[in-house]
Amino acid sequence: MAISAKLVKELREKTGAGMMDCKKALTETDGDIDKAVDYLREKGIAKAAKKADRIAAEGLVHVETKGNDAVIVEINSETDFVARNEGFQELVKEIANQVLETKVSSVEELHESKLPSGQTVDERMKEAIATIGEKLSIRRFAVKSKSDNDAFGAYLHMGGRIGVLSVVEGTTDEAAAKDVAMHVAAINPKYVSSDQVSEEELKHEKDILKQQALNEGKPENIVEKMVEGRMRKYLQEICAVDQNFVKDPDQTVESFLKSKGGQLTDFVRYEVGEGMEKREENFADEVKGQMK
C-alpha cells in the first residue's frame, strides 16, 4: 500500500525514529502504526525513539544567504544548553546550507536529501541525536529569492532565539534591510502591508470595533468615523510598513526605506518554540537532568 507523508510524520512523532526508518516500518506493517512502533522497537532503532516523549521546544533560528537566495531555518532541541553547544550550532548551519543547495520545498524532502558526505539529512540528524543526547528536530524553514538590485536583511536576536529574514526591493543597502529585520524582530508585525490583510479579517475587526463603540454608548452617527480611526490604528499595529520605525519613531518603516530608495516586500520571523507546548520544569531540574 502507498504510505502517506502524514502517516510517516505521525510515526516519527510517536517514536522519534528517522524518516526512512519510519517509512520502511510502515511499509513492512501495511500502514499499521501500532505494529510499526513495535517493528522499530524490535529492530533496536531506539536511541532516538527513547526521547520521543520529550518536548523539543528550545533550539536555534539561523539565516543563511547565498547569492540571490536566502533561507531561515528553525531547529529544535530540548534545552537551551544544547542551543549554546558549538556542535549543535554547526549542525544548524549545515542544514541551512543544505536547503540552499538542494532547493527542497518541505521538511520531509529535506530529510531525504543527501549531504556532500553521502549521508542523508535524516541519518545526520540521528547521528547528532546520538552524539548530543537530546531529541532534535528540524521544525521549519523558508526560502526567499531576490534580484541583483534588491537586498536581504538578516537579523538574529538573543543568539538565535528570534530570527528574521527581510526582502527589500529597489536598493542593495543591506544595512537598511537588516535594520528593518531588527524592527520586525522587536515589534513582531503580522503583515508587510494592509494589502495582505484578508477581507475576512478586516470585517471581523470592524465588527468588533463597531460593537465596542456602541457598548461605550456612542451615537450611531459617529460610530462609523470612530471605527475608521480605530481601524487605521489596528492596521498600523499589524502591518510593518505603517509602523513607527523602532530606530527612529519619527518616521515609519516605509518612509525610512523610501529614503534609501527601497521598499519592504517580504519578511519571515521565527521565534524558537513559538506555538509549541513547553516543559513545566524549573532551572534546577534542568541542571539535574543535564548532569545525569
Protein backbone atom coordinates (compact mmCIF):
# COMPACT_ATOMS: atom_id res chain seq x y z
CA MET A 1 0.00 0.00 0.00
CA ALA A 2 1.05 3.62 -0.53
CA ILE A 3 2.43 5.20 2.64
CA SER A 4 1.43 8.84 3.06
CA ALA A 5 3.77 11.53 4.33
CA LYS A 6 1.20 12.28 7.06
CA LEU A 7 1.44 8.72 8.37
CA VAL A 8 5.24 8.84 8.32
CA LYS A 9 5.15 12.12 10.24
CA GLU A 10 2.79 10.64 12.84
CA LEU A 11 5.08 7.66 13.39
CA ARG A 12 8.12 9.92 13.68
CA GLU A 13 6.35 11.98 16.33
CA LYS A 14 5.42 8.82 18.24
CA THR A 15 8.85 7.22 18.11
CA GLY A 16 11.46 9.84 17.30
CA ALA A 17 12.92 7.44 14.73
CA GLY A 18 14.25 8.64 11.37
CA MET A 19 12.03 9.28 8.39
CA MET A 20 13.32 6.45 6.22
CA ASP A 21 13.14 4.01 9.14
CA CYS A 22 9.53 5.04 9.75
CA LYS A 23 8.65 4.68 6.09
CA LYS A 24 10.17 1.20 5.96
CA ALA A 25 8.40 0.18 9.17
CA LEU A 26 5.03 1.30 7.81
CA THR A 27 5.66 -0.48 4.52
CA GLU A 28 6.53 -3.70 6.34
CA THR A 29 3.39 -3.46 8.51
CA ASP A 30 0.94 -2.39 5.79
CA GLY A 31 0.47 1.03 7.33
CA ASP A 32 -0.48 -0.20 10.82
CA ILE A 33 1.07 2.45 13.04
CA ASP A 34 0.97 0.39 16.26
CA LYS A 35 2.69 -2.55 14.57
CA ALA A 36 5.17 -0.12 13.03
CA VAL A 37 6.09 1.13 16.53
CA ASP A 38 6.71 -2.49 17.59
CA TYR A 39 8.74 -3.09 14.41
CA LEU A 40 11.05 -0.18 15.20
CA ARG A 41 11.50 -1.35 18.78
CA GLU A 42 12.24 -4.89 17.62
CA LYS A 43 14.85 -3.60 15.19
CA GLY A 44 16.57 -1.74 18.02
CA ILE A 45 16.04 1.67 16.48
CA ALA A 46 15.62 3.12 19.92
CA LYS A 47 18.40 5.61 20.59
CA ALA A 48 16.32 8.50 19.31
CA ALA A 49 12.99 6.82 19.95
CA LYS A 50 13.55 6.80 23.70
CA LYS A 51 13.50 10.57 23.57
CA ALA A 52 10.27 10.85 21.61
CA ASP A 53 8.10 11.71 24.59
CA ARG A 54 10.26 14.70 25.39
CA ILE A 55 9.39 18.13 24.09
CA ALA A 56 11.96 19.84 21.88
CA ALA A 57 10.88 23.47 22.20
CA GLU A 58 14.29 25.12 22.59
CA GLY A 59 16.87 25.45 19.84
CA LEU A 60 18.04 27.99 17.30
CA VAL A 61 16.88 30.05 14.35
CA HIS A 62 19.51 30.68 11.69
CA VAL A 63 19.62 32.71 8.48
CA GLU A 64 21.95 31.82 5.62
CA THR A 65 22.32 33.66 2.31
CA LYS A 66 23.91 32.58 -0.95
CA GLY A 67 23.80 34.96 -3.88
CA ASN A 68 20.19 35.80 -4.63
CA ASP A 69 18.75 33.09 -2.36
CA ALA A 70 18.39 33.03 1.40
CA VAL A 71 16.94 30.64 3.96
CA ILE A 72 15.70 30.96 7.51
CA VAL A 73 15.50 27.72 9.47
CA GLU A 74 14.45 26.64 12.96
CA ILE A 75 15.92 23.51 14.52
CA ASN A 76 14.73 22.49 17.97
CA SER A 77 16.43 20.89 20.93
CA GLU A 78 15.15 20.03 24.39
CA THR A 79 17.25 22.54 26.35
CA ASP A 80 18.94 25.84 25.72
CA PHE A 81 22.17 24.23 26.97
CA VAL A 82 22.30 22.37 23.67
CA ALA A 83 21.37 25.50 21.74
CA ARG A 84 24.60 27.02 23.05
CA ASN A 85 26.59 23.94 22.05
CA GLU A 86 29.04 24.62 19.23
CA GLY A 87 28.32 21.26 17.62
CA PHE A 88 24.59 21.98 17.52
CA GLN A 89 25.22 25.45 16.08
CA GLU A 90 27.32 23.93 13.30
CA LEU A 91 24.56 21.40 12.61
CA VAL A 92 22.02 24.21 12.20
CA LYS A 93 24.28 26.00 9.71
CA GLU A 94 24.90 22.73 7.85
CA ILE A 95 21.17 22.10 7.48
CA ALA A 96 20.52 25.70 6.37
CA ASN A 97 23.16 25.38 3.65
CA GLN A 98 21.69 22.05 2.58
CA VAL A 99 18.34 23.75 1.95
CA LEU A 100 20.02 26.35 -0.26
CA GLU A 101 22.00 23.72 -2.16
CA THR A 102 19.14 21.28 -2.78
CA LYS A 103 16.21 23.71 -3.18
CA VAL A 104 13.93 21.29 -1.32
CA SER A 105 10.42 22.53 -0.60
CA SER A 106 9.48 20.62 2.56
CA VAL A 107 11.00 19.25 5.76
CA GLU A 108 10.19 15.73 4.50
CA GLU A 109 12.17 16.30 1.29
CA LEU A 110 14.99 17.83 3.30
CA HIS A 111 15.28 14.72 5.48
CA GLU A 112 15.58 12.52 2.40
CA SER A 113 18.16 14.73 0.65
CA LYS A 114 21.82 13.72 0.61
CA LEU A 115 24.61 15.79 2.11
CA PRO A 116 28.01 16.12 0.39
CA SER A 117 29.25 13.42 2.79
CA GLY A 118 26.81 10.93 1.25
CA GLN A 119 24.67 10.78 4.38
CA THR A 120 21.02 11.74 4.18
CA VAL A 121 19.94 14.61 6.40
CA ASP A 122 17.81 12.08 8.28
CA GLU A 123 20.92 10.00 9.05
CA ARG A 124 22.83 13.13 10.02
CA MET A 125 20.10 14.15 12.46
CA LYS A 126 20.04 10.68 14.05
CA GLU A 127 23.81 10.82 14.40
CA ALA A 128 23.55 14.24 16.09
CA ILE A 129 20.83 12.95 18.45
CA ALA A 130 23.07 10.04 19.46
CA THR A 131 26.07 12.35 19.97
CA ILE A 132 24.31 15.22 21.76
CA GLY A 133 21.93 13.02 23.74
CA GLU A 134 18.77 15.07 23.21
CA LYS A 135 15.79 14.95 20.92
CA LEU A 136 16.49 17.27 17.97
CA SER A 137 14.10 18.16 15.18
CA ILE A 138 14.02 20.30 12.07
CA ARG A 139 10.81 22.26 12.59
CA ARG A 140 10.53 24.59 9.61
CA PHE A 141 12.31 26.68 7.01
CA ALA A 142 11.50 29.30 4.39
CA VAL A 143 13.47 30.19 1.27
CA LYS A 144 13.34 33.65 -0.32
CA SER A 145 14.81 34.98 -3.56
CA LYS A 146 15.70 38.45 -4.81
CA SER A 147 17.17 40.17 -7.87
CA ASP A 148 20.61 41.76 -8.14
CA ASN A 149 19.10 45.17 -7.38
CA ASP A 150 17.49 44.11 -4.10
CA ALA A 151 18.75 43.32 -0.60
CA PHE A 152 18.29 40.68 2.06
CA GLY A 153 18.19 41.70 5.70
CA ALA A 154 19.24 39.07 8.24
CA TYR A 155 18.94 39.62 11.96
CA LEU A 156 19.32 37.19 14.88
CA HIS A 157 18.27 38.26 18.36
CA MET A 158 19.35 36.70 21.68
CA GLY A 159 21.84 34.41 19.97
CA GLY A 160 19.25 33.00 17.60
CA ARG A 161 16.11 32.72 19.73
CA ILE A 162 14.44 35.09 17.28
CA GLY A 163 15.45 35.32 13.64
CA VAL A 164 14.19 37.50 10.80
CA LEU A 165 14.84 37.43 7.07
CA SER A 166 13.60 40.51 5.20
CA VAL A 167 13.48 41.22 1.47
CA VAL A 168 13.81 44.84 0.36
CA GLU A 169 13.39 45.73 -3.30
CA GLY A 170 14.83 48.73 -5.13
CA THR A 171 18.07 49.03 -3.14
CA THR A 172 21.14 46.93 -2.41
CA ASP A 173 21.53 48.60 1.00
CA GLU A 174 21.91 45.51 3.20
CA ALA A 175 22.35 47.63 6.33
CA ALA A 176 18.92 49.21 5.79
CA ALA A 177 17.38 45.79 5.13
CA LYS A 178 18.96 44.49 8.35
CA ASP A 179 17.58 47.47 10.28
CA VAL A 180 14.10 46.56 9.06
CA ALA A 181 14.69 42.93 10.05
CA MET A 182 15.63 44.20 13.51
CA HIS A 183 12.40 46.20 13.62
CA VAL A 184 10.38 43.10 12.72
CA ALA A 185 12.16 41.11 15.44
CA ALA A 186 11.29 43.74 18.03
CA ILE A 187 7.71 44.67 17.04
CA ASN A 188 6.51 41.37 15.51
CA PRO A 189 4.11 42.62 12.81
CA LYS A 190 1.83 40.07 11.14
CA TYR A 191 1.98 41.51 7.63
CA VAL A 192 4.13 43.65 5.34
CA SER A 193 1.25 45.97 4.42
CA SER A 194 -2.52 46.26 4.60
CA ASP A 195 -2.78 44.73 1.10
CA GLN A 196 -2.01 41.36 2.69
CA VAL A 197 -4.81 41.53 5.26
CA SER A 198 -7.79 39.44 4.18
CA GLU A 199 -11.27 40.91 3.79
CA GLU A 200 -12.46 38.38 6.34
CA GLU A 201 -10.03 39.64 8.98
CA LEU A 202 -10.84 43.28 8.21
CA LYS A 203 -14.57 42.65 8.52
CA HIS A 204 -14.11 40.71 11.75
CA GLU A 205 -12.09 43.53 13.31
CA LYS A 206 -14.54 46.20 12.09
CA ASP A 207 -17.46 44.30 13.63
CA ILE A 208 -15.65 44.09 16.97
CA LEU A 209 -14.69 47.77 16.93
CA LYS A 210 -18.21 48.81 15.98
CA GLN A 211 -19.70 46.82 18.84
CA GLN A 212 -17.12 48.27 21.22
CA ALA A 213 -18.13 51.80 20.22
CA LEU A 214 -21.83 51.02 20.60
CA ASN A 215 -21.19 49.45 24.01
CA GLU A 216 -19.46 52.68 25.03
CA GLY A 217 -22.76 54.42 24.39
CA LYS A 218 -21.57 56.36 21.35
CA PRO A 219 -24.33 57.56 19.00
CA GLU A 220 -24.57 55.61 15.75
CA ASN A 221 -23.94 58.67 13.60
CA ILE A 222 -20.33 58.92 14.86
CA VAL A 223 -19.63 55.23 15.30
CA GLU A 224 -18.50 54.80 11.68
CA LYS A 225 -15.92 57.59 11.97
CA MET A 226 -14.66 56.10 15.23
CA VAL A 227 -14.34 52.70 13.62
CA GLU A 228 -12.38 54.17 10.68
CA GLY A 229 -9.90 55.78 13.07
CA ARG A 230 -9.52 52.64 15.15
CA MET A 231 -9.07 50.51 12.02
CA ARG A 232 -6.18 52.74 10.94
CA LYS A 233 -4.59 52.20 14.35
CA TYR A 234 -5.21 48.45 14.13
CA LEU A 235 -3.54 48.22 10.71
CA GLN A 236 -0.61 50.22 12.00
CA GLU A 237 -0.19 47.69 14.79
CA ILE A 238 -0.09 44.65 12.47
CA CYS A 239 1.48 46.00 9.24
CA ALA A 240 5.25 46.59 9.21
CA VAL A 241 5.40 49.43 6.68
CA ASP A 242 2.89 51.54 8.65
CA GLN A 243 4.64 51.16 12.00
CA ASN A 244 6.88 53.75 13.58
CA PHE A 245 10.43 52.63 12.82
CA VAL A 246 11.95 51.22 16.00
CA LYS A 247 15.31 53.01 15.47
CA ASP A 248 13.63 56.34 14.63
CA PRO A 249 10.00 56.60 15.78
CA ASP A 250 9.62 59.94 13.99
CA GLN A 251 9.28 58.06 10.71
CA THR A 252 7.55 54.91 9.55
CA VAL A 253 9.32 51.83 8.23
CA GLU A 254 8.00 52.74 4.79
CA SER A 255 9.39 56.30 4.88
CA PHE A 256 12.73 55.04 6.22
CA LEU A 257 13.10 52.66 3.29
CA LYS A 258 11.91 55.27 0.79
CA SER A 259 14.81 57.47 1.91
CA LYS A 260 17.07 54.57 0.87
CA GLY A 261 15.27 54.05 -2.42
CA GLY A 262 13.70 50.75 -1.38
CA GLN A 263 10.51 49.12 -0.18
CA LEU A 264 9.81 46.11 2.02
CA THR A 265 8.20 43.31 0.02
CA ASP A 266 8.52 40.29 2.31
CA PHE A 267 9.75 39.03 5.66
CA VAL A 268 9.81 35.86 7.73
CA ARG A 269 10.06 35.99 11.51
CA TYR A 270 10.71 32.83 13.52
CA GLU A 271 10.82 32.65 17.30
CA VAL A 272 12.14 29.44 18.82
CA GLY A 273 9.35 27.27 20.14
CA GLU A 274 6.51 29.70 19.40
CA GLY A 275 3.20 27.89 19.40
CA MET A 276 4.73 24.76 20.93
CA GLU A 277 3.97 23.29 24.33
CA LYS A 278 6.94 23.83 26.63
CA ARG A 279 8.00 21.74 29.56
CA GLU A 280 6.97 22.87 33.02
CA GLU A 281 10.39 22.45 34.52
CA ASN A 282 12.45 24.82 36.60
CA PHE A 283 16.09 25.66 36.07
CA ALA A 284 17.34 23.45 38.92
CA ASP A 285 15.54 20.43 37.48
CA GLU A 286 17.04 21.17 34.08
CA VAL A 287 20.56 21.27 35.53
CA LYS A 288 19.96 17.99 37.33
CA GLY A 289 18.74 16.47 34.08
CA GLN A 290 21.91 17.60 32.31
CA MET A 291 24.12 16.09 35.00
CA LYS A 292 22.53 12.61 34.82
